[in-house]
Amino acid sequence: MGVKIVMGQDEFELDGPYAARLSESNDALDDAEELRRRMRDDGYLFIRGFHDREKVLAARRSLLEKLAAKGHLAPGAALDDGVIHPENKAAGFLGGREQPESLLQLVNSPETMGFFERFLGGPCLTFDYKWVRAVGTGEYSGAHYDVVYMGRGTKNLYTMWTPLGDIDFEMGGLAILTGSRHLDALRDNYGQMDVDRDRVTGWFSDRPSELVEKYGGTWATAEFRAGDALIFGMYTMHASLTNRTNRYRLSCDTRYQLRSEPVDERWVGEKPKGHYAWLSGPTVPMEEARKKWNV
C-alpha cells in the first residue's frame, strides 16, 4: 500500500499523478551556476542538512518555551514533544521582529548569508521580519505565491523554509507545485496582486487537486528533518500538507535578496510595519478575483 498525504480536503498517493518527492540539490552545493539553473528550471532547491541540526533544535526549544508560557502546550507532556493543549489549538503564528536569539543565529548566520551571497552573486540582506508558525491539528496553508505578500521590492527575492524539528508526512511539511514558476497565466494576474493594495485574500486555491488538473505539475514534498531547508522564488506555487497529529508543526520562513536591489519596506527596519491594510476591512474573495482574471 502506498504512502498517503493529505493537503486540505484532498488526499493523494505519493508517487501518483498528484504527488511526488522533492529532488535534492546537495550534489550541487559547490556549483552556484548549477543551483541557479535548477532554480530557473524547477523553482526550488531542497537541501538536506543545510543548517546545523543542534542549532535548529535549540531554536525549536526556545519557541516551545514561549508556547508553554502562553498556555498553548498540553500540561504534563514533555516540552520537546510540542503537544497541543486540548483546549487551545490557536497558537498559529509567532511571526514578527522579536524572535529568540537562537532562531536569529540560525537564519541570519554567516553560513546562511554566505550561501545566498554565492547563490545571488553579491552582498545580501535578509528581511528583519521573520515568519514563524506553529501549525495546529487540522491546519494547513493553501496554494499561493509569496510575491503577493512581499512584492514591492525586487522580484529576485527568495524564501527559505526551515522546518524546526523533524516533520513526517502525517505532521505535514511544505509542498511545491512543480513547473508552477512557468505558468504565465498566473504570473500575469494573480502574480501582479498586492494584498495590502488590492485587499484580496492571499491563497490562490485551497484545493491542491484543482491546480494539478487545470495547470499540470505535481505536488512535490518530503519528510523533513531538523537541519533541512527548502528555498524557492516568489513565483513558485506552494502549499502545505495538513497536520494530522496532536503536536505543533513549527517552521520559519525567512527572505533573502541582493543588498543592491529595491527592498519591500514593510518587512525591514527596527519595527517593520508588516501588512497594514490586508484583512483590516472588507476583503475581496479570491473566487471573485479569479473570475475577473479568468483563471
Protein backbone atom coordinates (compact mmCIF):
# COMPACT_ATOMS: atom_id res chain seq x y z
CA MET A 1 0.00 0.00 0.00
CA GLY A 2 1.38 3.40 -0.99
CA VAL A 3 2.06 6.41 1.21
CA LYS A 4 -0.91 8.77 1.54
CA ILE A 5 -0.57 12.51 2.07
CA VAL A 6 -3.33 14.98 2.94
CA MET A 7 -3.49 18.58 1.69
CA GLY A 8 -6.59 20.38 2.90
CA GLN A 9 -9.55 18.25 1.85
CA ASP A 10 -7.52 16.33 -0.75
CA GLU A 11 -5.81 13.00 -0.15
CA PHE A 12 -3.12 11.92 -2.62
CA GLU A 13 -0.98 8.84 -3.06
CA LEU A 14 2.70 9.76 -3.07
CA ASP A 15 4.40 8.94 -6.38
CA GLY A 16 0.99 9.02 -8.05
CA PRO A 17 -0.43 11.54 -10.55
CA TYR A 18 -0.85 14.32 -7.95
CA ALA A 19 2.09 13.96 -5.56
CA ALA A 20 5.82 13.36 -5.94
CA ARG A 21 9.02 13.64 -3.95
CA LEU A 22 11.22 16.73 -3.86
CA SER A 23 14.54 16.47 -5.69
CA GLU A 24 17.57 17.18 -3.50
CA SER A 25 20.31 19.62 -4.53
CA ASN A 26 23.09 18.67 -2.11
CA ASP A 27 25.18 17.42 -5.04
CA ALA A 28 25.40 20.97 -6.46
CA LEU A 29 26.21 22.94 -3.30
CA ASP A 30 29.64 23.92 -4.64
CA ASP A 31 28.28 24.95 -8.05
CA ALA A 32 26.40 28.25 -7.83
CA GLU A 33 25.64 28.31 -11.55
CA GLU A 34 24.05 24.87 -11.37
CA LEU A 35 21.98 25.95 -8.35
CA ARG A 36 20.78 28.97 -10.32
CA ARG A 37 19.90 26.74 -13.28
CA ARG A 38 17.87 24.43 -11.05
CA MET A 39 16.08 27.39 -9.53
CA ARG A 40 15.24 28.70 -13.01
CA ASP A 41 14.02 25.30 -14.18
CA ASP A 42 12.41 23.85 -11.05
CA GLY A 43 11.60 26.90 -8.93
CA TYR A 44 13.16 25.43 -5.78
CA LEU A 45 16.25 24.00 -4.08
CA PHE A 46 15.83 21.28 -1.46
CA ILE A 47 18.95 20.95 0.68
CA ARG A 48 19.31 18.28 3.34
CA GLY A 49 21.30 19.31 6.39
CA PHE A 50 21.61 22.94 5.31
CA HIS A 51 21.58 24.04 8.98
CA ASP A 52 23.33 22.59 11.98
CA ARG A 53 20.76 20.21 13.48
CA GLU A 54 21.56 21.08 17.08
CA LYS A 55 21.09 24.80 16.38
CA VAL A 56 17.69 24.07 14.83
CA LEU A 57 16.64 22.07 17.87
CA ALA A 58 17.82 24.88 20.16
CA ALA A 59 15.64 27.35 18.25
CA ARG A 60 12.74 24.90 18.43
CA ARG A 61 13.08 24.61 22.18
CA SER A 62 13.09 28.40 22.61
CA LEU A 63 9.82 28.65 20.68
CA LEU A 64 8.25 25.78 22.60
CA GLU A 65 9.14 27.56 25.84
CA LYS A 66 7.26 30.61 24.54
CA LEU A 67 4.26 28.45 23.68
CA ALA A 68 4.35 26.80 27.11
CA ALA A 69 4.48 30.18 28.85
CA LYS A 70 1.33 31.20 27.00
CA GLY A 71 -0.53 28.02 27.92
CA HIS A 72 -0.57 26.52 24.44
CA LEU A 73 1.03 23.18 25.34
CA ALA A 74 -0.58 20.18 26.98
CA PRO A 75 0.16 20.05 30.72
CA GLY A 76 2.28 17.12 31.74
CA ALA A 77 3.63 16.39 28.27
CA ALA A 78 7.33 16.65 27.52
CA LEU A 79 8.22 20.12 26.26
CA ASP A 80 10.15 18.81 23.26
CA ASP A 81 7.11 16.90 22.02
CA GLY A 82 5.17 20.12 21.45
CA VAL A 83 1.81 18.52 22.27
CA ILE A 84 -1.07 20.94 21.75
CA HIS A 85 -3.19 21.87 24.76
CA PRO A 86 -6.54 20.05 24.32
CA GLU A 87 -8.45 23.29 24.93
CA ASN A 88 -6.23 25.64 22.97
CA LYS A 89 -5.17 24.97 19.38
CA ALA A 90 -4.85 28.54 18.19
CA ALA A 91 -1.15 29.35 18.58
CA GLY A 92 -0.99 29.77 14.82
CA PHE A 93 1.53 32.49 14.14
CA LEU A 94 4.56 33.63 16.07
CA GLY A 95 5.96 35.97 13.43
CA GLY A 96 7.48 39.36 13.98
CA ARG A 97 10.68 41.20 14.79
CA GLU A 98 11.20 39.91 18.32
CA GLN A 99 12.43 36.34 17.92
CA PRO A 100 14.62 34.17 20.16
CA GLU A 101 18.30 34.80 19.64
CA SER A 102 18.75 31.08 18.93
CA LEU A 103 16.47 31.42 15.90
CA LEU A 104 18.19 34.58 14.63
CA GLN A 105 21.59 32.92 14.98
CA LEU A 106 20.27 30.16 12.73
CA VAL A 107 18.58 32.04 9.89
CA ASN A 108 20.91 35.09 9.96
CA SER A 109 24.07 33.04 10.42
CA PRO A 110 27.26 33.66 8.41
CA GLU A 111 26.74 30.24 6.83
CA THR A 112 23.22 31.12 5.68
CA MET A 113 24.16 34.57 4.41
CA GLY A 114 27.23 33.14 2.73
CA PHE A 115 25.12 30.65 0.82
CA PHE A 116 22.82 33.35 -0.52
CA GLU A 117 25.74 35.61 -1.42
CA ARG A 118 27.25 32.80 -3.51
CA PHE A 119 23.87 31.90 -5.00
CA LEU A 120 22.90 35.50 -5.84
CA GLY A 121 26.40 36.70 -6.68
CA GLY A 122 26.83 39.61 -4.28
CA PRO A 123 26.27 41.05 -0.78
CA CYS A 124 22.84 40.09 0.54
CA LEU A 125 20.37 41.13 3.18
CA THR A 126 17.57 39.28 4.93
CA PHE A 127 14.26 40.82 5.96
CA ASP A 128 14.20 41.77 9.65
CA TYR A 129 10.70 40.33 9.97
CA LYS A 130 10.68 36.56 10.43
CA TRP A 131 7.61 34.43 9.77
CA VAL A 132 7.40 31.74 12.45
CA ARG A 133 4.45 29.36 12.50
CA ALA A 134 3.01 26.89 14.96
CA VAL A 135 0.56 24.87 12.90
CA GLY A 136 -2.11 23.03 14.89
CA THR A 137 -4.12 19.90 14.28
CA GLY A 138 -6.07 20.02 11.03
CA GLU A 139 -4.35 23.21 9.85
CA TYR A 140 -2.54 23.78 6.56
CA SER A 141 -1.56 26.52 4.12
CA GLY A 142 -3.42 26.87 0.83
CA ALA A 143 -1.68 27.27 -2.53
CA HIS A 144 -0.10 30.69 -3.07
CA TYR A 145 2.76 32.75 -4.49
CA ASP A 146 4.84 34.69 -1.96
CA VAL A 147 5.07 37.70 -4.29
CA VAL A 148 1.52 38.80 -3.42
CA TYR A 149 2.64 39.38 0.19
CA MET A 150 6.09 40.93 -0.33
CA GLY A 151 6.42 42.04 -3.93
CA ARG A 152 7.10 45.78 -3.62
CA GLY A 153 10.85 45.44 -3.88
CA THR A 154 12.92 43.22 -6.12
CA LYS A 155 11.31 40.10 -7.56
CA ASN A 156 14.73 38.46 -7.25
CA LEU A 157 13.78 37.57 -3.69
CA TYR A 158 13.93 34.10 -2.18
CA THR A 159 12.14 32.34 0.63
CA MET A 160 13.91 29.82 2.84
CA TRP A 161 11.52 27.50 4.65
CA THR A 162 13.17 25.93 7.69
CA PRO A 163 11.41 23.07 9.48
CA LEU A 164 12.02 23.50 13.20
CA GLY A 165 12.10 19.83 14.05
CA ASP A 166 11.53 16.53 12.25
CA ILE A 167 8.34 16.64 10.18
CA ASP A 168 6.89 13.44 8.74
CA PHE A 169 4.05 13.18 6.22
CA GLU A 170 1.47 12.98 8.99
CA MET A 171 2.64 16.24 10.59
CA GLY A 172 2.72 17.79 7.14
CA GLY A 173 5.53 19.90 5.72
CA LEU A 174 5.69 22.15 2.68
CA ALA A 175 4.91 21.10 -0.89
CA ILE A 176 5.92 22.70 -4.20
CA LEU A 177 3.79 22.61 -7.36
CA THR A 178 6.34 21.52 -9.95
CA GLY A 179 6.54 23.73 -13.00
CA SER A 180 4.47 26.48 -11.41
CA ARG A 181 7.05 29.23 -11.89
CA HIS A 182 6.50 28.93 -15.64
CA LEU A 183 2.73 29.48 -15.52
CA ASP A 184 2.38 32.84 -17.28
CA ALA A 185 -1.40 32.72 -16.94
CA LEU A 186 -0.99 33.01 -13.17
CA ARG A 187 2.08 35.28 -13.10
CA ASP A 188 0.32 37.84 -15.28
CA ASN A 189 -2.70 38.31 -13.00
CA TYR A 190 -2.55 36.65 -9.59
CA GLY A 191 1.21 37.26 -9.58
CA GLN A 192 0.68 41.02 -10.01
CA MET A 193 -1.52 41.28 -6.92
CA ASP A 194 -0.59 43.05 -3.65
CA VAL A 195 -2.71 42.00 -0.67
CA ASP A 196 -2.42 45.41 1.04
CA ARG A 197 -3.20 47.39 -2.10
CA ASP A 198 -5.89 45.11 -3.55
CA ARG A 199 -7.28 43.65 -0.32
CA VAL A 200 -7.80 40.25 -1.89
CA THR A 201 -7.46 37.07 0.16
CA GLY A 202 -3.97 35.72 -0.44
CA TRP A 203 -4.36 31.99 -1.15
CA PHE A 204 -4.95 31.27 -4.83
CA SER A 205 -6.70 27.99 -4.00
CA ASP A 206 -7.38 25.72 -1.05
CA ARG A 207 -7.92 22.75 -3.37
CA PRO A 208 -4.49 21.45 -4.45
CA SER A 209 -6.05 18.91 -6.84
CA GLU A 210 -7.57 21.79 -8.82
CA LEU A 211 -4.19 23.24 -9.74
CA VAL A 212 -2.81 19.90 -10.95
CA GLU A 213 -5.92 19.26 -13.04
CA LYS A 214 -6.03 22.76 -14.51
CA TYR A 215 -2.35 23.68 -14.86
CA GLY A 216 -0.40 20.42 -14.65
CA GLY A 217 2.57 19.51 -12.50
CA THR A 218 2.55 17.57 -9.26
CA TRP A 219 2.82 18.50 -5.59
CA ALA A 220 6.37 17.61 -4.55
CA THR A 221 7.08 17.13 -0.84
CA ALA A 222 9.23 15.15 1.59
CA GLU A 223 9.60 14.01 5.16
CA PHE A 224 11.78 16.76 6.55
CA ARG A 225 14.45 16.58 9.23
CA ALA A 226 15.71 19.30 11.52
CA GLY A 227 18.50 20.96 9.56
CA ASP A 228 16.86 20.76 6.14
CA ALA A 229 15.97 23.82 4.08
CA LEU A 230 13.63 24.40 1.14
CA ILE A 231 14.43 27.52 -0.90
CA PHE A 232 12.19 28.92 -3.63
CA GLY A 233 11.33 32.04 -5.59
CA MET A 234 8.45 34.48 -5.48
CA TYR A 235 6.54 32.80 -8.33
CA THR A 236 6.77 29.21 -7.09
CA MET A 237 3.31 27.96 -6.12
CA HIS A 238 3.47 26.20 -2.78
CA ALA A 239 1.21 24.96 -0.01
CA SER A 240 1.49 22.66 2.97
CA LEU A 241 0.24 19.26 3.94
CA THR A 242 -2.34 19.09 6.71
CA ASN A 243 -1.09 18.50 10.24
CA ARG A 244 -2.83 15.28 11.33
CA THR A 245 -1.04 14.98 14.67
CA ASN A 246 -1.70 16.40 18.14
CA ARG A 247 1.65 18.25 18.06
CA TYR A 248 2.53 21.68 16.74
CA ARG A 249 4.39 21.75 13.45
CA LEU A 250 6.96 24.52 13.92
CA SER A 251 8.63 26.21 10.98
CA CYS A 252 10.15 29.52 9.95
CA ASP A 253 10.07 31.45 6.66
CA THR A 254 12.86 33.94 6.02
CA ARG A 255 13.62 36.08 2.96
CA TYR A 256 16.90 36.95 1.21
CA GLN A 257 17.91 39.26 -1.64
CA LEU A 258 20.81 41.25 -3.03
CA ARG A 259 21.56 44.31 -0.92
CA SER A 260 21.83 46.42 -4.08
CA GLU A 261 18.21 45.82 -5.17
CA PRO A 262 14.97 47.51 -4.01
CA VAL A 263 13.52 46.26 -0.72
CA ASP A 264 9.86 45.92 0.31
CA GLU A 265 9.70 48.48 3.12
CA ARG A 266 7.01 46.59 5.02
CA TRP A 267 9.46 43.95 6.24
CA VAL A 268 12.65 45.79 7.19
CA GLY A 269 13.76 48.14 9.94
CA GLU A 270 13.71 48.15 13.71
CA LYS A 271 9.93 47.79 13.77
CA PRO A 272 8.69 46.52 10.39
CA LYS A 273 5.10 47.64 9.81
CA GLY A 274 4.09 44.44 8.02
CA HIS A 275 0.66 44.20 6.42
CA TYR A 276 -1.26 47.38 7.15
CA ALA A 277 -4.44 47.08 5.08
CA TRP A 278 -4.92 43.41 4.22
CA LEU A 279 -7.74 41.86 6.30
CA SER A 280 -8.27 45.18 8.14
CA GLY A 281 -11.54 45.85 6.34
CA PRO A 282 -13.67 44.48 3.51
CA THR A 283 -11.68 41.83 1.60
CA VAL A 284 -12.30 40.63 -1.95
CA PRO A 285 -12.70 36.83 -2.03
CA MET A 286 -10.15 35.09 -4.23
CA GLU A 287 -13.01 33.35 -6.08
CA GLU A 288 -14.26 36.76 -7.21
CA ALA A 289 -10.80 37.93 -8.28
CA ARG A 290 -10.20 34.70 -10.22
CA LYS A 291 -13.42 35.16 -12.17
CA LYS A 292 -12.22 38.62 -13.17
CA TRP A 293 -8.83 37.21 -14.22
CA ASN A 294 -10.44 34.20 -15.92
CA VAL A 295 -8.04 31.73 -14.27
